[in-house]
């Protein structure tokens, strides 16, 4: 897994899912839904980024080369 994805995208998705599931009191139910929704939210993130041609971690090296030059 890419370091950028792990450092930025993953915590943001986890926080969004956690906020959505904040009213669930059962830990096992929370963990099950957390895993499922993290996958779904990341899929949405990449779908929207691709649809609107937004920069993603996949083009990060290209963007960094542009910034350095």
N, C-alpha and C. Protein backbone atom coordinates (compact mmCIF):
# COMPACT_ATOMS: atom_id res chain seq x y z
N UNK A 1 0.85 -1.19 0.00
CA UNK A 1 0.00 0.00 0.00
C UNK A 1 0.89 1.24 0.00
N UNK A 2 0.51 2.20 -0.76
CA UNK A 2 1.25 3.44 -0.87
C UNK A 2 1.25 4.19 0.46
N UNK A 3 2.40 4.79 0.82
CA UNK A 3 2.50 5.54 2.08
C UNK A 3 1.53 6.71 2.12
N UNK A 4 1.36 7.40 0.99
CA UNK A 4 0.43 8.53 0.94
C UNK A 4 -0.99 8.07 1.22
N UNK A 5 -1.37 6.98 0.60
CA UNK A 5 -2.71 6.43 0.82
C UNK A 5 -2.90 6.08 2.28
N UNK A 6 -1.91 5.43 2.87
CA UNK A 6 -2.02 5.02 4.27
C UNK A 6 -2.02 6.23 5.19
N UNK A 7 -1.24 7.25 4.88
CA UNK A 7 -1.11 8.41 5.77
C UNK A 7 -2.24 9.41 5.64
N UNK A 8 -2.84 9.56 4.48
CA UNK A 8 -3.85 10.60 4.28
C UNK A 8 -5.24 10.08 3.96
N UNK A 9 -5.35 9.25 2.96
CA UNK A 9 -6.67 8.79 2.51
C UNK A 9 -7.29 7.86 3.54
N UNK A 10 -6.53 6.90 4.03
CA UNK A 10 -7.07 5.92 4.96
C UNK A 10 -7.62 6.56 6.25
N UNK A 11 -6.88 7.45 6.91
CA UNK A 11 -7.44 8.09 8.12
C UNK A 11 -8.68 8.94 7.83
N UNK A 12 -8.69 9.61 6.69
CA UNK A 12 -9.85 10.44 6.35
C UNK A 12 -11.09 9.57 6.14
N UNK A 13 -10.92 8.47 5.44
CA UNK A 13 -12.04 7.56 5.21
C UNK A 13 -12.48 6.93 6.53
N UNK A 14 -11.52 6.53 7.35
CA UNK A 14 -11.86 5.92 8.63
C UNK A 14 -12.62 6.90 9.54
N UNK A 15 -12.21 8.14 9.53
CA UNK A 15 -12.90 9.14 10.34
C UNK A 15 -14.32 9.38 9.83
N UNK A 16 -14.49 9.46 8.51
CA UNK A 16 -15.83 9.67 7.95
C UNK A 16 -16.74 8.50 8.28
N UNK A 17 -16.23 7.28 8.16
CA UNK A 17 -17.03 6.10 8.48
C UNK A 17 -17.33 6.06 9.97
N UNK A 18 -16.34 6.36 10.80
CA UNK A 18 -16.56 6.38 12.24
C UNK A 18 -17.62 7.39 12.64
N UNK A 19 -17.60 8.55 12.02
CA UNK A 19 -18.63 9.55 12.30
C UNK A 19 -20.01 9.06 11.89
N UNK A 20 -20.08 8.35 10.80
CA UNK A 20 -21.35 7.81 10.33
C UNK A 20 -21.89 6.75 11.29
N UNK A 21 -20.98 5.97 11.88
CA UNK A 21 -21.37 4.87 12.75
C UNK A 21 -21.32 5.23 14.24
N UNK A 22 -21.29 6.49 14.57
CA UNK A 22 -21.07 6.91 15.96
C UNK A 22 -22.16 6.46 16.93
N UNK A 23 -23.34 6.14 16.48
CA UNK A 23 -24.43 5.75 17.38
C UNK A 23 -24.50 4.26 17.65
N UNK A 24 -23.62 3.47 17.06
CA UNK A 24 -23.62 2.02 17.26
C UNK A 24 -22.83 1.71 18.53
N UNK A 25 -23.46 1.02 19.47
CA UNK A 25 -22.83 0.72 20.76
C UNK A 25 -22.17 -0.66 20.80
N UNK A 26 -22.59 -1.59 19.96
CA UNK A 26 -22.05 -2.94 19.94
C UNK A 26 -20.73 -2.95 19.15
N UNK A 27 -19.63 -3.34 19.81
CA UNK A 27 -18.31 -3.30 19.18
C UNK A 27 -18.19 -4.22 17.96
N UNK A 28 -18.74 -5.42 18.04
CA UNK A 28 -18.61 -6.34 16.91
C UNK A 28 -19.42 -5.85 15.71
N UNK A 29 -20.58 -5.29 15.96
CA UNK A 29 -21.38 -4.72 14.87
C UNK A 29 -20.66 -3.52 14.26
N UNK A 30 -20.07 -2.68 15.12
CA UNK A 30 -19.32 -1.51 14.65
C UNK A 30 -18.15 -1.93 13.77
N UNK A 31 -17.36 -2.90 14.22
CA UNK A 31 -16.19 -3.35 13.45
C UNK A 31 -16.59 -3.94 12.10
N UNK A 32 -17.66 -4.72 12.08
CA UNK A 32 -18.13 -5.31 10.83
C UNK A 32 -18.56 -4.25 9.83
N UNK A 33 -19.32 -3.29 10.31
CA UNK A 33 -19.77 -2.22 9.41
C UNK A 33 -18.63 -1.30 9.04
N UNK A 34 -17.67 -1.11 9.95
CA UNK A 34 -16.52 -0.25 9.67
C UNK A 34 -15.74 -0.78 8.47
N UNK A 35 -15.45 -2.06 8.47
CA UNK A 35 -14.69 -2.66 7.37
C UNK A 35 -15.44 -2.55 6.04
N UNK A 36 -16.72 -2.84 6.07
CA UNK A 36 -17.52 -2.78 4.85
C UNK A 36 -17.61 -1.35 4.31
N UNK A 37 -17.89 -0.40 5.19
CA UNK A 37 -18.05 0.99 4.75
C UNK A 37 -16.73 1.63 4.34
N UNK A 38 -15.61 1.22 4.94
CA UNK A 38 -14.32 1.76 4.51
C UNK A 38 -14.05 1.41 3.06
N UNK A 39 -14.37 0.18 2.69
CA UNK A 39 -14.19 -0.24 1.30
C UNK A 39 -15.11 0.57 0.39
N UNK A 40 -16.36 0.72 0.80
CA UNK A 40 -17.33 1.46 0.00
C UNK A 40 -16.93 2.93 -0.14
N UNK A 41 -16.50 3.57 0.94
CA UNK A 41 -16.13 4.98 0.89
C UNK A 41 -14.89 5.21 0.04
N UNK A 42 -13.91 4.31 0.13
CA UNK A 42 -12.73 4.45 -0.72
C UNK A 42 -13.10 4.29 -2.19
N UNK A 43 -14.02 3.39 -2.47
CA UNK A 43 -14.50 3.22 -3.84
C UNK A 43 -15.15 4.50 -4.33
N UNK A 44 -15.99 5.11 -3.50
CA UNK A 44 -16.62 6.39 -3.85
C UNK A 44 -15.57 7.46 -4.09
N UNK A 45 -14.57 7.53 -3.22
CA UNK A 45 -13.50 8.53 -3.34
C UNK A 45 -12.82 8.43 -4.71
N UNK A 46 -12.41 7.22 -5.06
CA UNK A 46 -11.71 7.05 -6.33
C UNK A 46 -12.64 7.22 -7.53
N UNK A 47 -13.90 6.86 -7.40
CA UNK A 47 -14.86 7.07 -8.48
C UNK A 47 -15.03 8.57 -8.76
N UNK A 48 -15.25 9.35 -7.71
CA UNK A 48 -15.44 10.80 -7.88
C UNK A 48 -14.16 11.44 -8.41
N UNK A 49 -13.01 11.04 -7.87
CA UNK A 49 -11.74 11.59 -8.34
C UNK A 49 -11.53 11.30 -9.82
N UNK A 50 -11.89 10.10 -10.25
CA UNK A 50 -11.73 9.74 -11.65
C UNK A 50 -12.75 10.46 -12.52
N UNK A 51 -13.98 10.54 -12.07
CA UNK A 51 -15.04 11.18 -12.86
C UNK A 51 -14.74 12.64 -13.12
N UNK A 52 -14.25 13.34 -12.11
CA UNK A 52 -13.98 14.77 -12.24
C UNK A 52 -12.52 15.08 -12.50
N UNK A 53 -11.74 14.03 -12.78
CA UNK A 53 -10.31 14.17 -13.10
C UNK A 53 -9.55 14.92 -12.02
N UNK A 54 -9.84 14.58 -10.76
CA UNK A 54 -9.16 15.18 -9.63
C UNK A 54 -7.85 14.45 -9.37
N UNK A 55 -6.88 15.14 -8.82
CA UNK A 55 -5.61 14.46 -8.53
C UNK A 55 -5.80 13.42 -7.42
N UNK A 56 -5.14 12.29 -7.59
CA UNK A 56 -5.19 11.23 -6.59
C UNK A 56 -3.76 10.81 -6.29
N UNK A 57 -3.63 9.86 -5.39
CA UNK A 57 -2.29 9.37 -5.04
C UNK A 57 -1.60 8.71 -6.21
N UNK A 58 -2.35 8.29 -7.19
CA UNK A 58 -1.76 7.61 -8.35
C UNK A 58 -0.89 8.54 -9.17
N UNK A 59 -1.19 9.84 -9.16
CA UNK A 59 -0.39 10.78 -9.95
C UNK A 59 0.50 11.65 -9.07
N UNK A 60 0.62 11.29 -7.80
CA UNK A 60 1.45 12.07 -6.89
C UNK A 60 2.88 12.24 -7.37
N UNK A 61 3.57 11.19 -7.86
CA UNK A 61 4.94 11.39 -8.34
C UNK A 61 5.02 12.43 -9.47
N UNK A 62 4.06 12.42 -10.37
CA UNK A 62 4.04 13.39 -11.46
C UNK A 62 3.87 14.81 -10.90
N UNK A 63 2.98 15.00 -9.96
CA UNK A 63 2.75 16.32 -9.36
C UNK A 63 4.00 16.80 -8.63
N UNK A 64 4.65 15.91 -7.91
CA UNK A 64 5.87 16.30 -7.19
C UNK A 64 6.99 16.69 -8.14
N UNK A 65 7.10 16.00 -9.28
CA UNK A 65 8.11 16.39 -10.27
C UNK A 65 7.81 17.78 -10.82
N UNK A 66 6.54 18.09 -11.03
CA UNK A 66 6.17 19.42 -11.53
C UNK A 66 6.51 20.50 -10.50
N UNK A 67 6.27 20.22 -9.27
CA UNK A 67 6.55 21.20 -8.21
C UNK A 67 8.05 21.45 -8.09
N UNK A 68 8.85 20.40 -8.18
CA UNK A 68 10.31 20.54 -8.03
C UNK A 68 10.94 21.30 -9.19
N UNK A 69 10.34 21.20 -10.38
CA UNK A 69 10.93 21.85 -11.56
C UNK A 69 10.46 23.22 -11.73
